[in-house]
């Protein structure tokens, strides 16, 4: 299976996008975005993942990531596989989930979990100008979606950290 964007330099920082299958709005519930954040934190602690910027939208997320200890493509593969199972199970086990039956149908195919769309649109960060453009793109996502007026007001993002308003829910590495 070939994708237009692949990680060629496994040690370089990359802008990546993870999209929920069928653009399903899963991350409208805090419980599911918290699981995603916990999984990123695990990858940071145990797989040497560096996170430079991030945003979690209702049905996709963007990151600028770099792997220090393992191949970035391996970390992404493991992250997506783990979060697929974890979030699907959380939906299944959530007695308060009003969309449960629909979500479980939408996020599976032939009795297999299909949480994330294939691929992750990885673009290598080649210089500080490109980093800044992707950082701006990430932080402006909620503004362009009409969720907030100012990017630093969106809580599921590193924008508040970069503006000095608050700490980030996901620890941020400094880009050189």
C-alpha atoms as a PDB file:
ATOM      1  CA  UNK A   1       0.000   0.000   0.000  1.00  0.00           C
ATOM      2  CA  UNK A   2       1.590   3.272  -1.091  1.00  0.00           C
ATOM      3  CA  UNK A   3       0.991   6.741   0.262  1.00  0.00           C
ATOM      4  CA  UNK A   4       1.932  10.074  -1.206  1.00  0.00           C
ATOM      5  CA  UNK A   5       3.589  11.120   2.062  1.00  0.00           C
ATOM      6  CA  UNK A   6       6.024   8.826   3.849  1.00  0.00           C
ATOM      7  CA  UNK A   7       8.668   9.279   6.524  1.00  0.00           C
ATOM      8  CA  UNK A   8      11.967   9.105   4.657  1.00  0.00           C
ATOM      9  CA  UNK A   9      14.282  10.478   7.354  1.00  0.00           C
ATOM     10  CA  UNK A  10      13.177   8.579  10.475  1.00  0.00           C
ATOM     11  CA  UNK A  11      15.074  10.958  12.795  1.00  0.00           C
ATOM     12  CA  UNK A  12      13.712  14.226  11.378  1.00  0.00           C
ATOM     13  CA  UNK A  13      10.770  16.219  12.738  1.00  0.00           C
ATOM     14  CA  UNK A  14       7.539  15.794  10.760  1.00  0.00           C
ATOM     15  CA  UNK A  15       4.186  17.490  10.480  1.00  0.00           C
ATOM     16  CA  UNK A  16       1.576  14.711  10.602  1.00  0.00           C
ATOM     17  CA  UNK A  17      -2.190  14.479  10.464  1.00  0.00           C
ATOM     18  CA  UNK A  18      -4.252  11.624  11.897  1.00  0.00           C
ATOM     19  CA  UNK A  19      -7.841  11.531  10.676  1.00  0.00           C
ATOM     20  CA  UNK A  20     -10.658   9.499  12.192  1.00  0.00           C
ATOM     21  CA  UNK A  21     -12.197   7.070   9.703  1.00  0.00           C
ATOM     22  CA  UNK A  22     -15.146   8.660   7.886  1.00  0.00           C
ATOM     23  CA  UNK A  23     -14.325  11.947   9.625  1.00  0.00           C
ATOM     24  CA  UNK A  24     -16.385  10.811  12.624  1.00  0.00           C
ATOM     25  CA  UNK A  25     -16.524  13.417  15.425  1.00  0.00           C
ATOM     26  CA  UNK A  26     -15.079  11.299  18.238  1.00  0.00           C
ATOM     27  CA  UNK A  27     -13.047  13.899  20.089  1.00  0.00           C
ATOM     28  CA  UNK A  28     -16.077  15.957  21.040  1.00  0.00           C
ATOM     29  CA  UNK A  29     -16.011  13.929  24.267  1.00  0.00           C
ATOM     30  CA  UNK A  30     -13.226  14.686  26.747  1.00  0.00           C
ATOM     31  CA  UNK A  31     -12.847  11.021  27.698  1.00  0.00           C
ATOM     32  CA  UNK A  32     -11.647  10.172  24.171  1.00  0.00           C
ATOM     33  CA  UNK A  33      -9.321  13.151  23.728  1.00  0.00           C
ATOM     34  CA  UNK A  34      -7.841  12.352  27.161  1.00  0.00           C
ATOM     35  CA  UNK A  35      -7.046   8.820  25.958  1.00  0.00           C
ATOM     36  CA  UNK A  36      -5.302  10.262  22.916  1.00  0.00           C
ATOM     37  CA  UNK A  37      -3.260  12.620  25.104  1.00  0.00           C
ATOM     38  CA  UNK A  38      -2.343   9.770  27.486  1.00  0.00           C
ATOM     39  CA  UNK A  39      -1.147   7.701  24.530  1.00  0.00           C
ATOM     40  CA  UNK A  40       1.056  10.528  23.244  1.00  0.00           C
ATOM     41  CA  UNK A  41       2.434  10.934  26.764  1.00  0.00           C
ATOM     42  CA  UNK A  42       3.251   7.210  26.858  1.00  0.00           C
ATOM     43  CA  UNK A  43       5.108   7.496  23.547  1.00  0.00           C
ATOM     44  CA  UNK A  44       7.042  10.453  24.915  1.00  0.00           C
ATOM     45  CA  UNK A  45       8.011   8.581  28.091  1.00  0.00           C
ATOM     46  CA  UNK A  46       8.746   5.149  26.607  1.00  0.00           C
ATOM     47  CA  UNK A  47       9.494   5.621  22.906  1.00  0.00           C
ATOM     48  CA  UNK A  48      11.453   8.876  22.904  1.00  0.00           C
ATOM     49  CA  UNK A  49       8.781  10.818  21.012  1.00  0.00           C
ATOM     50  CA  UNK A  50       9.240  14.580  20.896  1.00  0.00           C
ATOM     51  CA  UNK A  51       6.183  16.762  20.360  1.00  0.00           C
ATOM     52  CA  UNK A  52       6.749  20.303  19.135  1.00  0.00           C
ATOM     53  CA  UNK A  53       3.141  21.290  18.482  1.00  0.00           C
ATOM     54  CA  UNK A  54      -0.318  19.733  18.464  1.00  0.00           C
ATOM     55  CA  UNK A  55      -4.040  20.228  18.097  1.00  0.00           C
ATOM     56  CA  UNK A  56      -6.894  17.777  18.569  1.00  0.00           C
ATOM     57  CA  UNK A  57      -9.992  18.645  16.558  1.00  0.00           C
ATOM     58  CA  UNK A  58     -13.304  16.760  16.678  1.00  0.00           C
ATOM     59  CA  UNK A  59     -12.318  14.255  13.966  1.00  0.00           C
ATOM     60  CA  UNK A  60      -8.604  14.696  13.310  1.00  0.00           C
ATOM     61  CA  UNK A  61      -5.424  15.882  14.930  1.00  0.00           C
ATOM     62  CA  UNK A  62      -2.194  17.500  13.794  1.00  0.00           C
ATOM     63  CA  UNK A  63       1.224  17.179  15.357  1.00  0.00           C
ATOM     64  CA  UNK A  64       4.796  18.148  14.740  1.00  0.00           C
ATOM     65  CA  UNK A  65       6.669  15.073  15.975  1.00  0.00           C
ATOM     66  CA  UNK A  66      10.146  13.614  16.049  1.00  0.00           C
ATOM     67  CA  UNK A  67      11.338  10.232  17.254  1.00  0.00           C
ATOM     68  CA  UNK A  68      14.589  10.091  19.206  1.00  0.00           C
ATOM     69  CA  UNK A  69      14.823   6.400  20.100  1.00  0.00           C
ATOM     70  CA  UNK A  70      12.841   4.503  17.445  1.00  0.00           C
ATOM     71  CA  UNK A  71      11.760   4.967  13.846  1.00  0.00           C
ATOM     72  CA  UNK A  72       9.068   7.615  13.678  1.00  0.00           C
ATOM     73  CA  UNK A  73       6.969   5.465  11.347  1.00  0.00           C
ATOM     74  CA  UNK A  74       7.080   2.626  13.922  1.00  0.00           C
ATOM     75  CA  UNK A  75       6.033   4.945  16.754  1.00  0.00           C
ATOM     76  CA  UNK A  76       3.153   6.286  14.647  1.00  0.00           C
ATOM     77  CA  UNK A  77       2.060   2.775  13.674  1.00  0.00           C
ATOM     78  CA  UNK A  78       2.059   1.629  17.312  1.00  0.00           C
ATOM     79  CA  UNK A  79       0.338   4.814  18.489  1.00  0.00           C
ATOM     80  CA  UNK A  80      -2.462   4.507  15.928  1.00  0.00           C
ATOM     81  CA  UNK A  81      -2.952   0.793  16.610  1.00  0.00           C
ATOM     82  CA  UNK A  82      -3.062   1.285  20.385  1.00  0.00           C
ATOM     83  CA  UNK A  83      -5.350   4.335  20.320  1.00  0.00           C
ATOM     84  CA  UNK A  84      -7.711   2.604  17.884  1.00  0.00           C
ATOM     85  CA  UNK A  85      -8.275  -0.253  20.313  1.00  0.00           C
ATOM     86  CA  UNK A  86      -8.293   1.907  23.439  1.00  0.00           C
ATOM     87  CA  UNK A  87     -10.757   4.523  22.184  1.00  0.00           C
ATOM     88  CA  UNK A  88     -13.019   1.944  20.510  1.00  0.00           C
ATOM     89  CA  UNK A  89     -13.180   0.019  23.809  1.00  0.00           C
ATOM     90  CA  UNK A  90     -13.892   3.248  25.722  1.00  0.00           C
ATOM     91  CA  UNK A  91     -16.797   3.989  23.371  1.00  0.00           C
ATOM     92  CA  UNK A  92     -18.093   0.431  23.764  1.00  0.00           C
ATOM     93  CA  UNK A  93     -17.827   0.536  27.568  1.00  0.00           C
ATOM     94  CA  UNK A  94     -19.190   4.064  28.013  1.00  0.00           C
ATOM     95  CA  UNK A  95     -22.744   3.806  29.428  1.00  0.00           C
ATOM     96  CA  UNK A  96     -23.244   7.563  28.842  1.00  0.00           C
ATOM     97  CA  UNK A  97     -22.332   7.465  25.147  1.00  0.00           C
ATOM     98  CA  UNK A  98     -25.549   8.388  23.350  1.00  0.00           C
ATOM     99  CA  UNK A  99     -23.984   7.699  19.939  1.00  0.00           C
ATOM    100  CA  UNK A 100     -22.566   4.304  20.912  1.00  0.00           C
ATOM    101  CA  UNK A 101     -24.261   2.036  18.350  1.00  0.00           C
ATOM    102  CA  UNK A 102     -23.642   4.475  15.521  1.00  0.00           C
ATOM    103  CA  UNK A 103     -19.991   5.080  16.505  1.00  0.00           C
ATOM    104  CA  UNK A 104     -19.236   1.369  16.815  1.00  0.00           C
ATOM    105  CA  UNK A 105     -20.722   0.755  13.349  1.00  0.00           C
ATOM    106  CA  UNK A 106     -18.954   3.748  11.796  1.00  0.00           C
ATOM    107  CA  UNK A 107     -15.586   2.835  13.291  1.00  0.00           C
ATOM    108  CA  UNK A 108     -15.507  -0.828  12.323  1.00  0.00           C
ATOM    109  CA  UNK A 109     -15.600  -2.922   9.187  1.00  0.00           C
ATOM    110  CA  UNK A 110     -16.233  -6.664   8.986  1.00  0.00           C
ATOM    111  CA  UNK A 111     -15.860  -7.026  12.777  1.00  0.00           C
ATOM    112  CA  UNK A 112     -12.491  -5.219  12.792  1.00  0.00           C
ATOM    113  CA  UNK A 113     -11.784  -1.816  14.290  1.00  0.00           C
ATOM    114  CA  UNK A 114     -11.198   0.867  11.682  1.00  0.00           C
ATOM    115  CA  UNK A 115     -10.671   3.957  13.793  1.00  0.00           C
ATOM    116  CA  UNK A 116      -8.047   5.925  11.841  1.00  0.00           C
ATOM    117  CA  UNK A 117      -7.928   6.546   8.123  1.00  0.00           C
ATOM    118  CA  UNK A 118      -4.872   5.001   6.495  1.00  0.00           C
ATOM    119  CA  UNK A 119      -1.761   7.130   6.295  1.00  0.00           C
ATOM    120  CA  UNK A 120      -0.816  10.256   8.188  1.00  0.00           C
ATOM    121  CA  UNK A 121       0.209  12.855   5.618  1.00  0.00           C
ATOM    122  CA  UNK A 122       3.770  13.201   6.943  1.00  0.00           C
ATOM    123  CA  UNK A 123       5.718  16.246   5.773  1.00  0.00           C
ATOM    124  CA  UNK A 124       9.329  16.647   6.877  1.00  0.00           C
ATOM    125  CA  UNK A 125      10.128  19.896   8.667  1.00  0.00           C
ATOM    126  CA  UNK A 126      13.120  21.045   6.644  1.00  0.00           C
ATOM    127  CA  UNK A 127      13.781  24.484   8.156  1.00  0.00           C
ATOM    128  CA  UNK A 128      12.508  26.976  10.729  1.00  0.00           C
ATOM    129  CA  UNK A 129      10.299  28.826   8.205  1.00  0.00           C
ATOM    130  CA  UNK A 130       8.487  25.592   7.341  1.00  0.00           C
ATOM    131  CA  UNK A 131       8.220  24.784  11.058  1.00  0.00           C
ATOM    132  CA  UNK A 132       6.623  28.191  11.706  1.00  0.00           C
ATOM    133  CA  UNK A 133       4.156  27.754   8.835  1.00  0.00           C
ATOM    134  CA  UNK A 134       3.045  24.335  10.140  1.00  0.00           C
ATOM    135  CA  UNK A 135       2.931  25.619  13.723  1.00  0.00           C
ATOM    136  CA  UNK A 136       0.634  28.429  12.562  1.00  0.00           C
ATOM    137  CA  UNK A 137      -1.481  25.998  10.522  1.00  0.00           C
ATOM    138  CA  UNK A 138      -1.903  23.702  13.556  1.00  0.00           C
ATOM    139  CA  UNK A 139      -2.836  26.503  15.932  1.00  0.00           C
ATOM    140  CA  UNK A 140      -5.200  28.225  13.471  1.00  0.00           C
ATOM    141  CA  UNK A 141      -7.258  25.046  12.869  1.00  0.00           C
ATOM    142  CA  UNK A 142      -9.822  25.809  15.617  1.00  0.00           C
ATOM    143  CA  UNK A 143     -10.042  29.447  14.490  1.00  0.00           C
ATOM    144  CA  UNK A 144     -10.674  28.476  10.863  1.00  0.00           C
ATOM    145  CA  UNK A 145     -13.275  25.954  12.058  1.00  0.00           C
ATOM    146  CA  UNK A 146     -15.088  28.761  13.907  1.00  0.00           C
ATOM    147  CA  UNK A 147     -14.659  27.160  17.334  1.00  0.00           C
ATOM    148  CA  UNK A 148     -12.652  30.027  18.885  1.00  0.00           C
ATOM    149  CA  UNK A 149     -11.700  33.551  17.854  1.00  0.00           C
ATOM    150  CA  UNK A 150      -8.102  33.341  19.055  1.00  0.00           C
ATOM    151  CA  UNK A 151      -5.985  30.203  18.734  1.00  0.00           C
ATOM    152  CA  UNK A 152      -4.680  30.442  22.312  1.00  0.00           C
ATOM    153  CA  UNK A 153      -8.257  30.033  23.611  1.00  0.00           C
ATOM    154  CA  UNK A 154      -8.556  26.478  22.283  1.00  0.00           C
ATOM    155  CA  UNK A 155      -7.673  24.056  25.087  1.00  0.00           C
ATOM    156  CA  UNK A 156      -6.840  20.956  23.001  1.00  0.00           C
ATOM    157  CA  UNK A 157      -3.801  22.576  21.453  1.00  0.00           C
ATOM    158  CA  UNK A 158      -0.292  23.766  22.182  1.00  0.00           C
ATOM    159  CA  UNK A 159      -1.263  27.345  21.203  1.00  0.00           C
ATOM    160  CA  UNK A 160      -1.859  28.392  24.828  1.00  0.00           C
ATOM    161  CA  UNK A 161       1.626  27.149  25.682  1.00  0.00           C
ATOM    162  CA  UNK A 162       3.242  29.035  22.801  1.00  0.00           C
ATOM    163  CA  UNK A 163       1.391  32.235  23.743  1.00  0.00           C
ATOM    164  CA  UNK A 164       2.502  31.887  27.393  1.00  0.00           C
ATOM    165  CA  UNK A 165      -1.053  31.551  28.761  1.00  0.00           C
ATOM    166  CA  UNK A 166      -0.852  28.015  30.163  1.00  0.00           C
ATOM    167  CA  UNK A 167       1.086  24.806  30.220  1.00  0.00           C
ATOM    168  CA  UNK A 168       0.413  22.232  27.551  1.00  0.00           C
ATOM    169  CA  UNK A 169      -1.483  19.002  28.277  1.00  0.00           C
ATOM    170  CA  UNK A 170       1.216  17.333  26.174  1.00  0.00           C
ATOM    171  CA  UNK A 171       4.795  18.279  27.101  1.00  0.00           C
ATOM    172  CA  UNK A 172       6.374  20.371  24.354  1.00  0.00           C
ATOM    173  CA  UNK A 173       9.951  19.940  23.117  1.00  0.00           C
ATOM    174  CA  UNK A 174      11.802  22.987  21.857  1.00  0.00           C
ATOM    175  CA  UNK A 175      12.551  23.120  18.157  1.00  0.00           C
ATOM    176  CA  UNK A 176      16.105  24.155  17.344  1.00  0.00           C
END
